[in-house]
Amino acid sequence: MAATIRKLTLSFPQKLIREPILHNISTRFGVMFNISRANVTEEQGFLELALEGDAEALEKALEYLRSRGVTIEES
């Protein structure tokens, strides 16, 4: 099965700044990430990245992120 790549912008609240959310989705769902831009402060986080994996794994990873309070926009 061919890998799917999704370019995304993630915004996350202060409570998630110190949580390894990208590591979590990588190990839990087997997706790879490539960060192209990031801005993380004590109040909020903003990431532009590409996620790569099979389509089902990507959907599960995005669902997990949303459930944690991450706002996701397709780029």
N, C-alpha and C. Protein backbone atom coordinates (compact mmCIF):
# COMPACT_ATOMS: atom_id res chain seq x y z
N MET A 1 0.84 -1.18 0.00
CA MET A 1 0.00 0.00 0.00
C MET A 1 0.89 1.25 0.00
N ALA A 2 0.58 2.20 -0.82
CA ALA A 2 1.37 3.43 -0.93
C ALA A 2 1.12 4.34 0.27
N ALA A 3 2.16 5.03 0.65
CA ALA A 3 2.05 5.98 1.76
C ALA A 3 1.33 7.24 1.28
N THR A 4 0.62 7.86 2.20
CA THR A 4 -0.07 9.11 1.95
C THR A 4 0.66 10.20 2.72
N ILE A 5 0.76 11.37 2.11
CA ILE A 5 1.37 12.52 2.78
C ILE A 5 0.31 13.61 2.91
N ARG A 6 0.17 14.14 4.12
CA ARG A 6 -0.77 15.23 4.37
C ARG A 6 0.00 16.39 4.97
N LYS A 7 -0.15 17.57 4.34
CA LYS A 7 0.48 18.78 4.85
C LYS A 7 -0.52 19.50 5.74
N LEU A 8 -0.09 19.78 6.97
CA LEU A 8 -1.01 20.28 7.99
C LEU A 8 -0.42 21.45 8.76
N THR A 9 -1.32 22.21 9.34
CA THR A 9 -0.97 23.23 10.32
C THR A 9 -1.66 22.83 11.61
N LEU A 10 -0.87 22.70 12.68
CA LEU A 10 -1.41 22.32 13.98
C LEU A 10 -1.26 23.48 14.95
N SER A 11 -2.32 23.75 15.69
CA SER A 11 -2.27 24.74 16.77
C SER A 11 -2.69 24.00 18.03
N PHE A 12 -1.93 24.19 19.09
CA PHE A 12 -2.30 23.48 20.30
C PHE A 12 -2.18 24.39 21.51
N PRO A 13 -3.01 24.10 22.51
CA PRO A 13 -3.09 24.95 23.69
C PRO A 13 -1.93 24.75 24.66
N GLN A 14 -1.84 25.65 25.61
CA GLN A 14 -0.77 25.65 26.59
C GLN A 14 -0.61 24.30 27.29
N LYS A 15 -1.70 23.63 27.60
CA LYS A 15 -1.62 22.37 28.36
C LYS A 15 -0.86 21.27 27.61
N LEU A 16 -0.72 21.41 26.27
CA LEU A 16 -0.05 20.38 25.48
C LEU A 16 1.40 20.71 25.11
N ILE A 17 1.87 21.89 25.48
CA ILE A 17 3.19 22.33 25.04
C ILE A 17 4.30 21.38 25.47
N ARG A 18 4.23 20.85 26.63
CA ARG A 18 5.29 19.97 27.14
C ARG A 18 5.01 18.49 26.89
N GLU A 19 3.90 18.20 26.24
CA GLU A 19 3.55 16.81 25.92
C GLU A 19 4.16 16.42 24.57
N PRO A 20 4.77 15.25 24.46
CA PRO A 20 5.39 14.84 23.19
C PRO A 20 4.35 14.31 22.18
N ILE A 21 3.47 15.20 21.71
CA ILE A 21 2.35 14.74 20.89
C ILE A 21 2.79 14.14 19.56
N LEU A 22 3.83 14.67 18.95
CA LEU A 22 4.29 14.09 17.67
C LEU A 22 4.93 12.73 17.89
N HIS A 23 5.69 12.60 18.94
CA HIS A 23 6.27 11.30 19.28
C HIS A 23 5.15 10.29 19.54
N ASN A 24 4.13 10.73 20.26
CA ASN A 24 3.00 9.83 20.57
C ASN A 24 2.32 9.31 19.31
N ILE A 25 2.03 10.19 18.36
CA ILE A 25 1.34 9.70 17.15
C ILE A 25 2.27 8.86 16.30
N SER A 26 3.56 9.18 16.33
CA SER A 26 4.52 8.40 15.55
C SER A 26 4.60 6.96 16.08
N THR A 27 4.71 6.81 17.39
CA THR A 27 4.84 5.46 17.95
C THR A 27 3.50 4.73 18.00
N ARG A 28 2.42 5.43 18.28
CA ARG A 28 1.10 4.79 18.38
C ARG A 28 0.53 4.36 17.03
N PHE A 29 0.70 5.22 16.03
CA PHE A 29 0.02 4.99 14.76
C PHE A 29 0.98 4.71 13.60
N GLY A 30 2.27 4.75 13.85
CA GLY A 30 3.24 4.43 12.81
C GLY A 30 3.33 5.47 11.71
N VAL A 31 3.07 6.73 12.05
CA VAL A 31 3.18 7.79 11.05
C VAL A 31 4.51 8.53 11.26
N MET A 32 5.04 9.06 10.19
CA MET A 32 6.27 9.86 10.25
C MET A 32 5.90 11.32 10.10
N PHE A 33 6.70 12.17 10.68
CA PHE A 33 6.43 13.61 10.57
C PHE A 33 7.68 14.35 10.15
N ASN A 34 7.47 15.46 9.44
CA ASN A 34 8.55 16.34 9.01
C ASN A 34 8.08 17.77 9.28
N ILE A 35 8.70 18.41 10.26
CA ILE A 35 8.31 19.76 10.64
C ILE A 35 8.98 20.76 9.70
N SER A 36 8.19 21.61 9.08
CA SER A 36 8.76 22.63 8.20
C SER A 36 8.84 24.00 8.88
N ARG A 37 7.98 24.22 9.87
CA ARG A 37 7.99 25.49 10.60
C ARG A 37 7.35 25.28 11.96
N ALA A 38 7.88 25.95 12.97
CA ALA A 38 7.32 25.83 14.31
C ALA A 38 7.48 27.13 15.07
N ASN A 39 6.50 27.40 15.91
CA ASN A 39 6.56 28.53 16.83
C ASN A 39 5.87 28.07 18.11
N VAL A 40 6.67 27.86 19.13
CA VAL A 40 6.12 27.38 20.39
C VAL A 40 6.54 28.35 21.48
N THR A 41 5.55 28.85 22.21
CA THR A 41 5.80 29.75 23.33
C THR A 41 5.26 29.08 24.59
N GLU A 42 5.33 29.78 25.70
CA GLU A 42 4.77 29.24 26.95
C GLU A 42 3.24 29.18 26.90
N GLU A 43 2.62 29.95 26.01
CA GLU A 43 1.16 30.01 25.96
C GLU A 43 0.52 29.11 24.90
N GLN A 44 1.23 28.88 23.78
CA GLN A 44 0.63 28.10 22.70
C GLN A 44 1.69 27.54 21.76
N GLY A 45 1.27 26.60 20.92
CA GLY A 45 2.17 26.01 19.95
C GLY A 45 1.56 26.06 18.56
N PHE A 46 2.41 26.22 17.56
CA PHE A 46 1.99 26.28 16.16
C PHE A 46 3.02 25.50 15.35
N LEU A 47 2.56 24.53 14.57
CA LEU A 47 3.46 23.73 13.75
C LEU A 47 2.92 23.62 12.33
N GLU A 48 3.81 23.74 11.35
CA GLU A 48 3.50 23.38 9.98
C GLU A 48 4.31 22.13 9.72
N LEU A 49 3.66 21.08 9.26
CA LEU A 49 4.36 19.82 9.07
C LEU A 49 3.68 18.96 8.03
N ALA A 50 4.39 17.91 7.65
CA ALA A 50 3.85 16.87 6.78
C ALA A 50 3.81 15.59 7.59
N LEU A 51 2.68 14.90 7.53
CA LEU A 51 2.55 13.58 8.15
C LEU A 51 2.49 12.56 7.03
N GLU A 52 3.19 11.45 7.21
CA GLU A 52 3.23 10.42 6.19
C GLU A 52 2.93 9.06 6.82
N GLY A 53 2.10 8.30 6.14
CA GLY A 53 1.75 6.96 6.60
C GLY A 53 0.60 6.44 5.76
N ASP A 54 0.07 5.27 6.12
CA ASP A 54 -1.08 4.81 5.36
C ASP A 54 -2.30 5.64 5.76
N ALA A 55 -3.25 5.76 4.86
CA ALA A 55 -4.39 6.67 5.04
C ALA A 55 -5.14 6.41 6.33
N GLU A 56 -5.35 5.16 6.67
CA GLU A 56 -6.09 4.82 7.89
C GLU A 56 -5.31 5.26 9.14
N ALA A 57 -4.01 5.03 9.15
CA ALA A 57 -3.18 5.44 10.29
C ALA A 57 -3.18 6.96 10.44
N LEU A 58 -3.14 7.67 9.32
CA LEU A 58 -3.17 9.14 9.38
C LEU A 58 -4.48 9.63 9.97
N GLU A 59 -5.58 9.04 9.56
CA GLU A 59 -6.89 9.44 10.10
C GLU A 59 -6.97 9.19 11.60
N LYS A 60 -6.46 8.06 12.04
CA LYS A 60 -6.46 7.74 13.47
C LYS A 60 -5.57 8.72 14.24
N ALA A 61 -4.43 9.06 13.66
CA ALA A 61 -3.53 10.02 14.31
C ALA A 61 -4.18 11.39 14.42
N LEU A 62 -4.86 11.82 13.36
CA LEU A 62 -5.53 13.12 13.40
C LEU A 62 -6.68 13.12 14.39
N GLU A 63 -7.41 12.04 14.46
CA GLU A 63 -8.50 11.91 15.42
C GLU A 63 -7.94 12.00 16.85
N TYR A 64 -6.82 11.33 17.09
CA TYR A 64 -6.18 11.40 18.41
C TYR A 64 -5.78 12.84 18.74
N LEU A 65 -5.16 13.54 17.79
CA LEU A 65 -4.75 14.91 18.03
C LEU A 65 -5.95 15.80 18.35
N ARG A 66 -7.01 15.66 17.58
CA ARG A 66 -8.22 16.46 17.84
C ARG A 66 -8.77 16.17 19.23
N SER A 67 -8.76 14.90 19.63
CA SER A 67 -9.29 14.53 20.94
C SER A 67 -8.46 15.13 22.08
N ARG A 68 -7.20 15.46 21.81
CA ARG A 68 -6.32 16.07 22.82
C ARG A 68 -6.44 17.59 22.83
N GLY A 69 -7.19 18.17 21.86
CA GLY A 69 -7.39 19.62 21.84
C GLY A 69 -6.59 20.35 20.79
N VAL A 70 -6.00 19.61 19.85
CA VAL A 70 -5.21 20.22 18.78
C VAL A 70 -6.16 20.66 17.65
N THR A 71 -5.96 21.87 17.16
CA THR A 71 -6.71 22.36 16.00
C THR A 71 -5.88 22.05 14.76
N ILE A 72 -6.53 21.44 13.75
CA ILE A 72 -5.82 20.97 12.55
C ILE A 72 -6.41 21.63 11.32
N GLU A 73 -5.53 22.17 10.47
CA GLU A 73 -5.93 22.71 9.17
C GLU A 73 -5.08 22.06 8.10
N GLU A 74 -5.72 21.67 7.00
CA GLU A 74 -4.97 21.14 5.84
C GLU A 74 -4.28 22.31 5.16
N SER A 75 -3.03 22.13 4.79
CA SER A 75 -2.28 23.21 4.11
C SER A 75 -2.32 23.01 2.61
